């Protein structure tokens, strides 16, 4: 059966890969929307066939009225603003996009038989030191005066709305996805792994914050979109929350060394003291590790791409594009 599917934030890193994956794996009719004028190159050839691209702003209620005038079987709500610099520059815009737009979309579809798929964040767990984090682990968030926690707070508020509506007496169902350090070809070099690659392919040293002993679990984008798809179409994913992430814990300094080694260059990382760079407005996390057995048990999903293979793919793409 052909489903009618909406993807917001469809020009972003996850949106580009998700739509490409849906086109390859399913016969869905996809409406993709973002604020950029033209659809991304990754799925541009499918626009006018399986994909319809609607340029618009999800904070514009008139645009939402038109966009959601006809019902959808699934909505992948990916649209969000990410980045500490964005939180500082325009906090009201962050609220408009990450919270209010989400609320307005839900309000327009809450009485329809739709599966609402929301990409939250591993940041919702905050500073909880009891890792690995399961889906029902406590949130331990820093003070409102620290900029980085605004993203976690916004996503947490959106999750509360979604869970509340999904538990009500209506046909609306939801799936919440919490990604862990996604990476892959085409990602902006504002994130740690592509930032390392961009600098290395341009003959510069990768920059590691502090001593680099903080750990992350890096998840390849193709693994992630496969997990999102399974969670969104299977009954086992209905009204559930899933951590989708690799469980391989890697120190950031080890990651820098891996990228250097796989790229085959002769260099060493440069270290920057975050206290000097950001002052008291910056808080980092020592460890960020998912408990991912729920996705394995209910969706038969694990992050199967090795970090080494994923890095190689990013370097290959980066040498052509960065």
C-alpha atoms as a PDB file:
ATOM      1  CA  UNK A   1       0.000   0.000   0.000  1.00  0.00           C
ATOM      2  CA  UNK A   2       1.264   3.460  -0.888  1.00  0.00           C
ATOM      3  CA  UNK A   3       1.394   5.864   2.056  1.00  0.00           C
ATOM      4  CA  UNK A   4       1.276   9.634   1.931  1.00  0.00           C
ATOM      5  CA  UNK A   5       4.267  10.926   3.884  1.00  0.00           C
ATOM      6  CA  UNK A   6       5.419  14.377   5.018  1.00  0.00           C
ATOM      7  CA  UNK A   7       9.027  15.201   5.897  1.00  0.00           C
ATOM      8  CA  UNK A   8       9.761  18.578   7.504  1.00  0.00           C
ATOM      9  CA  UNK A   9      13.342  19.822   7.608  1.00  0.00           C
ATOM     10  CA  UNK A  10      13.755  17.938   4.349  1.00  0.00           C
ATOM     11  CA  UNK A  11      16.849  19.854   3.219  1.00  0.00           C
ATOM     12  CA  UNK A  12      18.778  19.045   6.389  1.00  0.00           C
ATOM     13  CA  UNK A  13      21.334  16.300   6.879  1.00  0.00           C
ATOM     14  CA  UNK A  14      18.876  13.709   8.221  1.00  0.00           C
ATOM     15  CA  UNK A  15      16.091  14.789   5.863  1.00  0.00           C
ATOM     16  CA  UNK A  16      18.224  14.329   2.757  1.00  0.00           C
ATOM     17  CA  UNK A  17      19.286  10.837   3.769  1.00  0.00           C
ATOM     18  CA  UNK A  18      15.838   9.808   5.024  1.00  0.00           C
ATOM     19  CA  UNK A  19      14.062  10.793   1.815  1.00  0.00           C
ATOM     20  CA  UNK A  20      16.721   9.093  -0.281  1.00  0.00           C
ATOM     21  CA  UNK A  21      16.221   5.953   1.834  1.00  0.00           C
ATOM     22  CA  UNK A  22      12.411   6.073   1.614  1.00  0.00           C
ATOM     23  CA  UNK A  23      12.544   6.483  -2.165  1.00  0.00           C
ATOM     24  CA  UNK A  24      14.885   3.492  -2.469  1.00  0.00           C
ATOM     25  CA  UNK A  25      13.028   1.202  -0.051  1.00  0.00           C
ATOM     26  CA  UNK A  26       9.329   2.128  -0.281  1.00  0.00           C
ATOM     27  CA  UNK A  27       6.626   3.265  -2.686  1.00  0.00           C
ATOM     28  CA  UNK A  28       5.465   6.181  -0.521  1.00  0.00           C
ATOM     29  CA  UNK A  29       4.323   9.487  -1.975  1.00  0.00           C
ATOM     30  CA  UNK A  30       6.525  11.992  -0.172  1.00  0.00           C
ATOM     31  CA  UNK A  31       5.918  15.683   0.443  1.00  0.00           C
ATOM     32  CA  UNK A  32       9.217  17.297   1.472  1.00  0.00           C
ATOM     33  CA  UNK A  33       9.351  20.782   2.958  1.00  0.00           C
ATOM     34  CA  UNK A  34      12.069  23.173   4.093  1.00  0.00           C
ATOM     35  CA  UNK A  35      12.863  26.886   4.001  1.00  0.00           C
ATOM     36  CA  UNK A  36      15.509  26.580   1.261  1.00  0.00           C
ATOM     37  CA  UNK A  37      14.426  27.443  -2.256  1.00  0.00           C
ATOM     38  CA  UNK A  38      15.457  24.284  -4.086  1.00  0.00           C
ATOM     39  CA  UNK A  39      15.381  20.613  -3.031  1.00  0.00           C
ATOM     40  CA  UNK A  40      18.742  19.051  -2.182  1.00  0.00           C
ATOM     41  CA  UNK A  41      20.762  17.371  -4.906  1.00  0.00           C
ATOM     42  CA  UNK A  42      20.582  14.025  -3.074  1.00  0.00           C
ATOM     43  CA  UNK A  43      16.933  13.438  -4.036  1.00  0.00           C
ATOM     44  CA  UNK A  44      16.347  16.174  -6.616  1.00  0.00           C
ATOM     45  CA  UNK A  45      15.920  13.664  -9.452  1.00  0.00           C
ATOM     46  CA  UNK A  46      12.858  12.217  -7.698  1.00  0.00           C
ATOM     47  CA  UNK A  47      11.058  15.569  -7.338  1.00  0.00           C
ATOM     48  CA  UNK A  48       8.052  15.594  -9.637  1.00  0.00           C
ATOM     49  CA  UNK A  49       7.804  11.809  -9.420  1.00  0.00           C
ATOM     50  CA  UNK A  50       7.767  10.169  -5.991  1.00  0.00           C
ATOM     51  CA  UNK A  51       8.678  13.399  -4.171  1.00  0.00           C
ATOM     52  CA  UNK A  52       6.914  16.768  -4.084  1.00  0.00           C
ATOM     53  CA  UNK A  53       8.972  19.643  -2.708  1.00  0.00           C
ATOM     54  CA  UNK A  54       7.153  22.489  -0.928  1.00  0.00           C
ATOM     55  CA  UNK A  55       9.265  25.466   0.040  1.00  0.00           C
ATOM     56  CA  UNK A  56       7.950  27.039   3.235  1.00  0.00           C
ATOM     57  CA  UNK A  57       8.482  27.991   6.873  1.00  0.00           C
ATOM     58  CA  UNK A  58       6.946  25.737   9.535  1.00  0.00           C
ATOM     59  CA  UNK A  59       6.612  28.753  11.841  1.00  0.00           C
ATOM     60  CA  UNK A  60       4.136  30.259   9.338  1.00  0.00           C
ATOM     61  CA  UNK A  61       0.666  29.090  10.380  1.00  0.00           C
ATOM     62  CA  UNK A  62      -0.889  29.907   6.996  1.00  0.00           C
ATOM     63  CA  UNK A  63       1.720  27.708   5.336  1.00  0.00           C
ATOM     64  CA  UNK A  64       0.912  24.894   7.783  1.00  0.00           C
ATOM     65  CA  UNK A  65      -2.795  25.239   7.004  1.00  0.00           C
ATOM     66  CA  UNK A  66      -2.095  24.641   3.320  1.00  0.00           C
ATOM     67  CA  UNK A  67       0.532  21.961   3.911  1.00  0.00           C
ATOM     68  CA  UNK A  68      -1.680  19.903   6.224  1.00  0.00           C
ATOM     69  CA  UNK A  69      -5.000  20.445   4.442  1.00  0.00           C
ATOM     70  CA  UNK A  70      -4.945  16.823   3.248  1.00  0.00           C
ATOM     71  CA  UNK A  71      -4.190  13.998   5.712  1.00  0.00           C
ATOM     72  CA  UNK A  72      -0.875  12.146   5.871  1.00  0.00           C
ATOM     73  CA  UNK A  73      -0.246   8.561   6.930  1.00  0.00           C
ATOM     74  CA  UNK A  74       3.125   9.445   8.442  1.00  0.00           C
ATOM     75  CA  UNK A  75       4.828  12.702   9.359  1.00  0.00           C
ATOM     76  CA  UNK A  76       8.567  12.815   9.982  1.00  0.00           C
ATOM     77  CA  UNK A  77       9.069  16.064  11.877  1.00  0.00           C
ATOM     78  CA  UNK A  78      12.777  16.807  11.532  1.00  0.00           C
ATOM     79  CA  UNK A  79      12.676  20.611  11.335  1.00  0.00           C
ATOM     80  CA  UNK A  80      14.693  22.212  14.127  1.00  0.00           C
ATOM     81  CA  UNK A  81      17.402  24.779  14.767  1.00  0.00           C
ATOM     82  CA  UNK A  82      20.613  23.338  16.214  1.00  0.00           C
ATOM     83  CA  UNK A  83      23.776  25.018  17.493  1.00  0.00           C
ATOM     84  CA  UNK A  84      24.870  26.935  20.583  1.00  0.00           C
ATOM     85  CA  UNK A  85      25.675  29.980  18.463  1.00  0.00           C
ATOM     86  CA  UNK A  86      22.061  30.002  17.258  1.00  0.00           C
ATOM     87  CA  UNK A  87      20.718  29.839  20.812  1.00  0.00           C
ATOM     88  CA  UNK A  88      22.715  32.932  21.747  1.00  0.00           C
ATOM     89  CA  UNK A  89      21.986  34.850  18.555  1.00  0.00           C
ATOM     90  CA  UNK A  90      18.208  34.445  18.405  1.00  0.00           C
ATOM     91  CA  UNK A  91      16.636  32.514  21.297  1.00  0.00           C
ATOM     92  CA  UNK A  92      13.085  33.534  20.331  1.00  0.00           C
ATOM     93  CA  UNK A  93      13.507  32.028  16.863  1.00  0.00           C
ATOM     94  CA  UNK A  94      14.731  28.793  18.468  1.00  0.00           C
ATOM     95  CA  UNK A  95      11.538  28.674  20.533  1.00  0.00           C
ATOM     96  CA  UNK A  96       9.392  29.409  17.485  1.00  0.00           C
ATOM     97  CA  UNK A  97      10.901  26.550  15.470  1.00  0.00           C
ATOM     98  CA  UNK A  98      11.681  23.889  18.059  1.00  0.00           C
ATOM     99  CA  UNK A  99       8.617  24.241  20.289  1.00  0.00           C
ATOM    100  CA  UNK A 100       5.829  26.394  18.849  1.00  0.00           C
ATOM    101  CA  UNK A 101       5.998  25.031  15.279  1.00  0.00           C
ATOM    102  CA  UNK A 102       5.944  21.493  16.659  1.00  0.00           C
ATOM    103  CA  UNK A 103       2.900  22.375  18.752  1.00  0.00           C
ATOM    104  CA  UNK A 104       1.110  23.916  15.768  1.00  0.00           C
ATOM    105  CA  UNK A 105       1.734  20.888  13.541  1.00  0.00           C
ATOM    106  CA  UNK A 106       0.486  18.496  16.218  1.00  0.00           C
ATOM    107  CA  UNK A 107      -2.621  20.595  16.796  1.00  0.00           C
ATOM    108  CA  UNK A 108      -3.540  20.328  13.107  1.00  0.00           C
ATOM    109  CA  UNK A 109      -3.117  16.534  12.895  1.00  0.00           C
ATOM    110  CA  UNK A 110      -4.043  15.327  16.387  1.00  0.00           C
ATOM    111  CA  UNK A 111      -7.478  14.100  15.289  1.00  0.00           C
ATOM    112  CA  UNK A 112      -6.174  12.220  12.251  1.00  0.00           C
ATOM    113  CA  UNK A 113      -4.961   8.657  11.901  1.00  0.00           C
ATOM    114  CA  UNK A 114      -1.304   9.606  11.520  1.00  0.00           C
ATOM    115  CA  UNK A 115       1.982   8.259  12.839  1.00  0.00           C
ATOM    116  CA  UNK A 116       3.913  11.313  14.020  1.00  0.00           C
ATOM    117  CA  UNK A 117       7.649  10.621  14.056  1.00  0.00           C
ATOM    118  CA  UNK A 118       9.671  13.126  16.047  1.00  0.00           C
ATOM    119  CA  UNK A 119      13.446  13.387  16.086  1.00  0.00           C
ATOM    120  CA  UNK A 120      14.347  14.416  19.597  1.00  0.00           C
ATOM    121  CA  UNK A 121      17.942  14.339  20.866  1.00  0.00           C
ATOM    122  CA  UNK A 122      20.287  12.520  23.205  1.00  0.00           C
ATOM    123  CA  UNK A 123      20.683  15.940  24.837  1.00  0.00           C
ATOM    124  CA  UNK A 124      17.391  15.336  26.677  1.00  0.00           C
ATOM    125  CA  UNK A 125      19.328  13.208  29.189  1.00  0.00           C
ATOM    126  CA  UNK A 126      21.405  16.261  30.056  1.00  0.00           C
ATOM    127  CA  UNK A 127      24.097  15.701  32.673  1.00  0.00           C
ATOM    128  CA  UNK A 128      22.822  12.360  33.944  1.00  0.00           C
ATOM    129  CA  UNK A 129      26.072  10.573  34.878  1.00  0.00           C
ATOM    130  CA  UNK A 130      24.448   7.134  35.084  1.00  0.00           C
ATOM    131  CA  UNK A 131      25.334   5.818  31.613  1.00  0.00           C
ATOM    132  CA  UNK A 132      24.356   4.060  29.469  1.00  0.00           C
ATOM    133  CA  UNK A 133      21.044   5.904  29.212  1.00  0.00           C
ATOM    134  CA  UNK A 134      17.876   3.916  28.641  1.00  0.00           C
ATOM    135  CA  UNK A 135      14.767   5.528  27.191  1.00  0.00           C
ATOM    136  CA  UNK A 136      13.305   6.049  30.675  1.00  0.00           C
ATOM    137  CA  UNK A 137      16.481   7.419  32.285  1.00  0.00           C
ATOM    138  CA  UNK A 138      16.133  10.647  34.259  1.00  0.00           C
ATOM    139  CA  UNK A 139      16.806  14.025  32.722  1.00  0.00           C
ATOM    140  CA  UNK A 140      19.433  16.059  34.613  1.00  0.00           C
ATOM    141  CA  UNK A 141      19.556  19.498  33.032  1.00  0.00           C
ATOM    142  CA  UNK A 142      21.857  22.401  33.806  1.00  0.00           C
ATOM    143  CA  UNK A 143      20.656  25.910  34.709  1.00  0.00           C
ATOM    144  CA  UNK A 144      18.735  28.157  32.272  1.00  0.00           C
ATOM    145  CA  UNK A 145      21.702  30.556  32.291  1.00  0.00           C
ATOM    146  CA  UNK A 146      23.802  27.994  30.376  1.00  0.00           C
ATOM    147  CA  UNK A 147      23.045  28.277  26.658  1.00  0.00           C
ATOM    148  CA  UNK A 148      23.536  24.640  25.678  1.00  0.00           C
ATOM    149  CA  UNK A 149      20.579  23.402  27.744  1.00  0.00           C
ATOM    150  CA  UNK A 150      18.023  25.374  25.731  1.00  0.00           C
ATOM    151  CA  UNK A 151      18.089  22.758  22.949  1.00  0.00           C
ATOM    152  CA  UNK A 152      17.530  19.931  25.429  1.00  0.00           C
ATOM    153  CA  UNK A 153      14.738  21.872  27.107  1.00  0.00           C
ATOM    154  CA  UNK A 154      12.991  22.605  23.805  1.00  0.00           C
ATOM    155  CA  UNK A 155      13.108  19.012  22.651  1.00  0.00           C
ATOM    156  CA  UNK A 156      11.980  17.834  26.078  1.00  0.00           C
ATOM    157  CA  UNK A 157       8.984  20.172  25.976  1.00  0.00           C
ATOM    158  CA  UNK A 158       8.056  18.895  22.517  1.00  0.00           C
ATOM    159  CA  UNK A 159       8.276  15.303  23.757  1.00  0.00           C
ATOM    160  CA  UNK A 160       5.882  16.120  26.602  1.00  0.00           C
ATOM    161  CA  UNK A 161       3.352  17.484  24.104  1.00  0.00           C
ATOM    162  CA  UNK A 162       3.696  14.471  21.826  1.00  0.00           C
ATOM    163  CA  UNK A 163       3.386  11.872  24.573  1.00  0.00           C
ATOM    164  CA  UNK A 164       0.373  13.686  26.038  1.00  0.00           C
ATOM    165  CA  UNK A 165      -1.523  13.781  22.735  1.00  0.00           C
ATOM    166  CA  UNK A 166      -0.565  10.200  21.821  1.00  0.00           C
ATOM    167  CA  UNK A 167      -1.932   8.877  25.121  1.00  0.00           C
ATOM    168  CA  UNK A 168      -5.317  10.530  24.562  1.00  0.00           C
ATOM    169  CA  UNK A 169      -8.519   9.210  23.030  1.00  0.00           C
ATOM    170  CA  UNK A 170      -7.738   9.904  19.380  1.00  0.00           C
ATOM    171  CA  UNK A 171      -6.260   8.026  16.397  1.00  0.00           C
ATOM    172  CA  UNK A 172      -2.979   9.991  16.556  1.00  0.00           C
ATOM    173  CA  UNK A 173       0.058   7.815  17.343  1.00  0.00           C
ATOM    174  CA  UNK A 174       3.666   8.844  17.787  1.00  0.00           C
ATOM    175  CA  UNK A 175       7.212   7.543  17.657  1.00  0.00           C
ATOM    176  CA  UNK A 176      10.010   9.516  19.303  1.00  0.00           C
ATOM    177  CA  UNK A 177      13.589   8.977  18.168  1.00  0.00           C
ATOM    178  CA  UNK A 178      16.645  10.065  20.140  1.00  0.00           C
ATOM    179  CA  UNK A 179      19.731  10.020  17.891  1.00  0.00           C
ATOM    180  CA  UNK A 180      23.280   9.750  19.211  1.00  0.00           C
ATOM    181  CA  UNK A 181      26.012  11.709  17.427  1.00  0.00           C
ATOM    182  CA  UNK A 182      25.002  11.156  13.835  1.00  0.00           C
ATOM    183  CA  UNK A 183      27.601  11.507  11.115  1.00  0.00           C
ATOM    184  CA  UNK A 184      28.050  10.717   7.439  1.00  0.00           C
ATOM    185  CA  UNK A 185      28.663  12.172   3.976  1.00  0.00           C
ATOM    186  CA  UNK A 186      27.111  15.584   3.434  1.00  0.00           C
ATOM    187  CA  UNK A 187      27.107  16.741   7.044  1.00  0.00           C
ATOM    188  CA  UNK A 188      28.082  20.323   7.836  1.00  0.00           C
ATOM    189  CA  UNK A 189      31.533  20.621   9.436  1.00  0.00           C
ATOM    190  CA  UNK A 190      30.097  22.222  12.588  1.00  0.00           C
ATOM    191  CA  UNK A 191      29.893  18.737  14.128  1.00  0.00           C
ATOM    192  CA  UNK A 192      32.937  17.015  15.526  1.00  0.00           C
ATOM    193  CA  UNK A 193      33.663  14.260  13.012  1.00  0.00           C
ATOM    194  CA  UNK A 194      33.105  16.244   9.788  1.00  0.00           C
ATOM    195  CA  UNK A 195      34.938  19.170  11.405  1.00  0.00           C
ATOM    196  CA  UNK A 196      37.978  16.928  11.830  1.00  0.00           C
ATOM    197  CA  UNK A 197      37.673  15.752   8.224  1.00  0.00           C
ATOM    198  CA  UNK A 198      37.268  19.249   6.793  1.00  0.00           C
ATOM    199  CA  UNK A 199      40.393  20.512   8.491  1.00  0.00           C
ATOM    200  CA  UNK A 200      42.466  17.457   7.613  1.00  0.00           C
ATOM    201  CA  UNK A 201      41.554  17.408   3.903  1.00  0.00           C
ATOM    202  CA  UNK A 202      42.439  21.113   3.779  1.00  0.00           C
ATOM    203  CA  UNK A 203      45.867  20.566   5.330  1.00  0.00           C
ATOM    204  CA  UNK A 204      44.964  21.832   8.804  1.00  0.00           C
ATOM    205  CA  UNK A 205      45.159  20.209  12.219  1.00  0.00           C
ATOM    206  CA  UNK A 206      41.946  18.867  13.753  1.00  0.00           C
ATOM    207  CA  UNK A 207      40.798  20.809  16.820  1.00  0.00           C
ATOM    208  CA  UNK A 208      40.073  18.875  20.031  1.00  0.00           C
ATOM    209  CA  UNK A 209      38.420  20.645  22.963  1.00  0.00           C
ATOM    210  CA  UNK A 210      40.211  20.299  26.290  1.00  0.00           C
ATOM    211  CA  UNK A 211      42.023  16.965  26.758  1.00  0.00           C
ATOM    212  CA  UNK A 212      39.697  15.020  24.431  1.00  0.00           C
ATOM    213  CA  UNK A 213      38.882  12.290  26.949  1.00  0.00           C
ATOM    214  CA  UNK A 214      35.139  12.997  26.683  1.00  0.00           C
ATOM    215  CA  UNK A 215      33.429  10.068  24.952  1.00  0.00           C
ATOM    216  CA  UNK A 216      30.676   9.811  22.343  1.00  0.00           C
ATOM    217  CA  UNK A 217      28.965   7.014  20.405  1.00  0.00           C
ATOM    218  CA  UNK A 218      29.067   7.869  16.706  1.00  0.00           C
ATOM    219  CA  UNK A 219      26.175   6.593  14.576  1.00  0.00           C
ATOM    220  CA  UNK A 220      26.351   6.356  10.793  1.00  0.00           C
ATOM    221  CA  UNK A 221      23.500   8.159   9.058  1.00  0.00           C
ATOM    222  CA  UNK A 222      22.443   5.233   6.841  1.00  0.00           C
ATOM    223  CA  UNK A 223      22.066   3.011   9.901  1.00  0.00           C
ATOM    224  CA  UNK A 224      20.034   5.726  11.581  1.00  0.00           C
ATOM    225  CA  UNK A 225      17.518   6.310   8.781  1.00  0.00           C
ATOM    226  CA  UNK A 226      16.957   2.557   8.515  1.00  0.00           C
ATOM    227  CA  UNK A 227      16.136   2.544  12.233  1.00  0.00           C
ATOM    228  CA  UNK A 228      13.801   5.525  11.873  1.00  0.00           C
ATOM    229  CA  UNK A 229      11.972   3.825   9.019  1.00  0.00           C
ATOM    230  CA  UNK A 230      11.502   0.596  10.961  1.00  0.00           C
ATOM    231  CA  UNK A 231      10.276   2.455  14.034  1.00  0.00           C
ATOM    232  CA  UNK A 232       7.783   4.450  11.965  1.00  0.00           C
ATOM    233  CA  UNK A 233       6.129   1.643  10.029  1.00  0.00           C
ATOM    234  CA  UNK A 234       6.118  -1.220  12.526  1.00  0.00           C
ATOM    235  CA  UNK A 235       3.383  -1.676  15.086  1.00  0.00           C
ATOM    236  CA  UNK A 236       6.085  -2.245  17.709  1.00  0.00           C
ATOM    237  CA  UNK A 237       7.140   1.389  17.303  1.00  0.00           C
ATOM    238  CA  UNK A 238       3.707   2.838  18.017  1.00  0.00           C
ATOM    239  CA  UNK A 239       3.748   5.304  20.939  1.00  0.00           C
ATOM    240  CA  UNK A 240       7.304   4.335  21.820  1.00  0.00           C
ATOM    241  CA  UNK A 241      10.611   6.132  22.365  1.00  0.00           C
ATOM    242  CA  UNK A 242      13.828   4.721  20.912  1.00  0.00           C
ATOM    243  CA  UNK A 243      17.492   5.474  21.410  1.00  0.00           C
ATOM    244  CA  UNK A 244      19.038   4.990  17.981  1.00  0.00           C
ATOM    245  CA  UNK A 245      22.776   4.966  18.360  1.00  0.00           C
ATOM    246  CA  UNK A 246      25.964   2.997  18.269  1.00  0.00           C
ATOM    247  CA  UNK A 247      27.053   1.606  21.624  1.00  0.00           C
ATOM    248  CA  UNK A 248      30.763   1.850  20.773  1.00  0.00           C
ATOM    249  CA  UNK A 249      32.169   4.479  23.129  1.00  0.00           C
ATOM    250  CA  UNK A 250      35.006   6.515  21.618  1.00  0.00           C
ATOM    251  CA  UNK A 251      37.121   9.269  23.141  1.00  0.00           C
ATOM    252  CA  UNK A 252      37.168  12.422  21.021  1.00  0.00           C
ATOM    253  CA  UNK A 253      40.981  12.408  20.959  1.00  0.00           C
ATOM    254  CA  UNK A 254      40.837   8.784  19.739  1.00  0.00           C
ATOM    255  CA  UNK A 255      38.421   9.857  17.018  1.00  0.00           C
ATOM    256  CA  UNK A 256      40.850  12.554  15.863  1.00  0.00           C
ATOM    257  CA  UNK A 257      43.642   9.986  15.698  1.00  0.00           C
ATOM    258  CA  UNK A 258      41.407   7.593  13.731  1.00  0.00           C
ATOM    259  CA  UNK A 259      40.540  10.261  11.156  1.00  0.00           C
ATOM    260  CA  UNK A 260      44.218  11.205  10.801  1.00  0.00           C
ATOM    261  CA  UNK A 261      45.217   7.550  10.374  1.00  0.00           C
ATOM    262  CA  UNK A 262      42.479   6.683   7.860  1.00  0.00           C
ATOM    263  CA  UNK A 263      43.166   9.862   5.869  1.00  0.00           C
ATOM    264  CA  UNK A 264      46.838   8.910   5.749  1.00  0.00           C
ATOM    265  CA  UNK A 265      48.170  12.317   6.728  1.00  0.00           C
ATOM    266  CA  UNK A 266      51.043  13.347   8.988  1.00  0.00           C
ATOM    267  CA  UNK A 267      49.617  15.686  11.604  1.00  0.00           C
ATOM    268  CA  UNK A 268      48.547  15.882  15.245  1.00  0.00           C
ATOM    269  CA  UNK A 269      45.444  17.364  16.903  1.00  0.00           C
ATOM    270  CA  UNK A 270      45.396  20.917  18.226  1.00  0.00           C
ATOM    271  CA  UNK A 271      43.868  21.293  21.703  1.00  0.00           C
ATOM    272  CA  UNK A 272      41.729  24.255  22.774  1.00  0.00           C
ATOM    273  CA  UNK A 273      40.792  25.149  26.348  1.00  0.00           C
ATOM    274  CA  UNK A 274      37.010  25.697  26.469  1.00  0.00           C
ATOM    275  CA  UNK A 275      37.297  27.791  29.636  1.00  0.00           C
ATOM    276  CA  UNK A 276      39.338  30.329  27.713  1.00  0.00           C
ATOM    277  CA  UNK A 277      37.162  30.070  24.591  1.00  0.00           C
ATOM    278  CA  UNK A 278      33.658  30.139  26.103  1.00  0.00           C
ATOM    279  CA  UNK A 279      34.090  30.973  29.773  1.00  0.00           C
ATOM    280  CA  UNK A 280      31.352  29.875  32.152  1.00  0.00           C
ATOM    281  CA  UNK A 281      28.692  29.677  29.420  1.00  0.00           C
ATOM    282  CA  UNK A 282      29.966  26.280  28.241  1.00  0.00           C
ATOM    283  CA  UNK A 283      29.307  22.879  29.788  1.00  0.00           C
ATOM    284  CA  UNK A 284      30.473  19.637  28.203  1.00  0.00           C
ATOM    285  CA  UNK A 285      29.480  16.053  28.967  1.00  0.00           C
ATOM    286  CA  UNK A 286      32.102  13.492  29.919  1.00  0.00           C
ATOM    287  CA  UNK A 287      30.158  10.547  28.464  1.00  0.00           C
ATOM    288  CA  UNK A 288      27.150  10.116  26.190  1.00  0.00           C
ATOM    289  CA  UNK A 289      26.244   6.449  25.764  1.00  0.00           C
ATOM    290  CA  UNK A 290      22.894   4.903  24.736  1.00  0.00           C
ATOM    291  CA  UNK A 291      21.283   1.751  26.042  1.00  0.00           C
ATOM    292  CA  UNK A 292      20.027   0.559  22.649  1.00  0.00           C
ATOM    293  CA  UNK A 293      18.574  -2.874  23.451  1.00  0.00           C
ATOM    294  CA  UNK A 294      14.982  -1.661  23.034  1.00  0.00           C
ATOM    295  CA  UNK A 295      15.531  -0.926  19.331  1.00  0.00           C
ATOM    296  CA  UNK A 296      17.275  -4.280  18.969  1.00  0.00           C
ATOM    297  CA  UNK A 297      14.444  -6.174  20.671  1.00  0.00           C
ATOM    298  CA  UNK A 298      11.449  -4.398  19.127  1.00  0.00           C
ATOM    299  CA  UNK A 299      12.823  -3.365  15.739  1.00  0.00           C
ATOM    300  CA  UNK A 300      15.651  -5.844  15.173  1.00  0.00           C
ATOM    301  CA  UNK A 301      17.900  -2.797  14.677  1.00  0.00           C
ATOM    302  CA  UNK A 302      21.509  -2.164  15.597  1.00  0.00           C
ATOM    303  CA  UNK A 303      24.023   0.355  14.280  1.00  0.00           C
ATOM    304  CA  UNK A 304      25.980  -1.983  12.038  1.00  0.00           C
ATOM    305  CA  UNK A 305      28.443   0.317  10.234  1.00  0.00           C
ATOM    306  CA  UNK A 306      31.867   0.318  11.859  1.00  0.00           C
ATOM    307  CA  UNK A 307      33.310   3.675  12.819  1.00  0.00           C
ATOM    308  CA  UNK A 308      36.321   3.021  10.585  1.00  0.00           C
ATOM    309  CA  UNK A 309      34.138   2.357   7.517  1.00  0.00           C
ATOM    310  CA  UNK A 310      31.992   5.400   8.275  1.00  0.00           C
ATOM    311  CA  UNK A 311      35.018   7.669   8.636  1.00  0.00           C
ATOM    312  CA  UNK A 312      36.366   6.415   5.317  1.00  0.00           C
ATOM    313  CA  UNK A 313      33.085   7.370   3.602  1.00  0.00           C
ATOM    314  CA  UNK A 314      33.144  10.866   5.128  1.00  0.00           C
ATOM    315  CA  UNK A 315      36.768  11.414   4.098  1.00  0.00           C
ATOM    316  CA  UNK A 316      35.998  10.295   0.539  1.00  0.00           C
ATOM    317  CA  UNK A 317      33.070  12.725   0.355  1.00  0.00           C
ATOM    318  CA  UNK A 318      35.016  15.472   2.109  1.00  0.00           C
ATOM    319  CA  UNK A 319      37.908  15.376  -0.359  1.00  0.00           C
ATOM    320  CA  UNK A 320      35.440  16.266  -3.120  1.00  0.00           C
ATOM    321  CA  UNK A 321      33.259  18.767  -1.272  1.00  0.00           C
ATOM    322  CA  UNK A 322      35.037  20.418   1.692  1.00  0.00           C
END
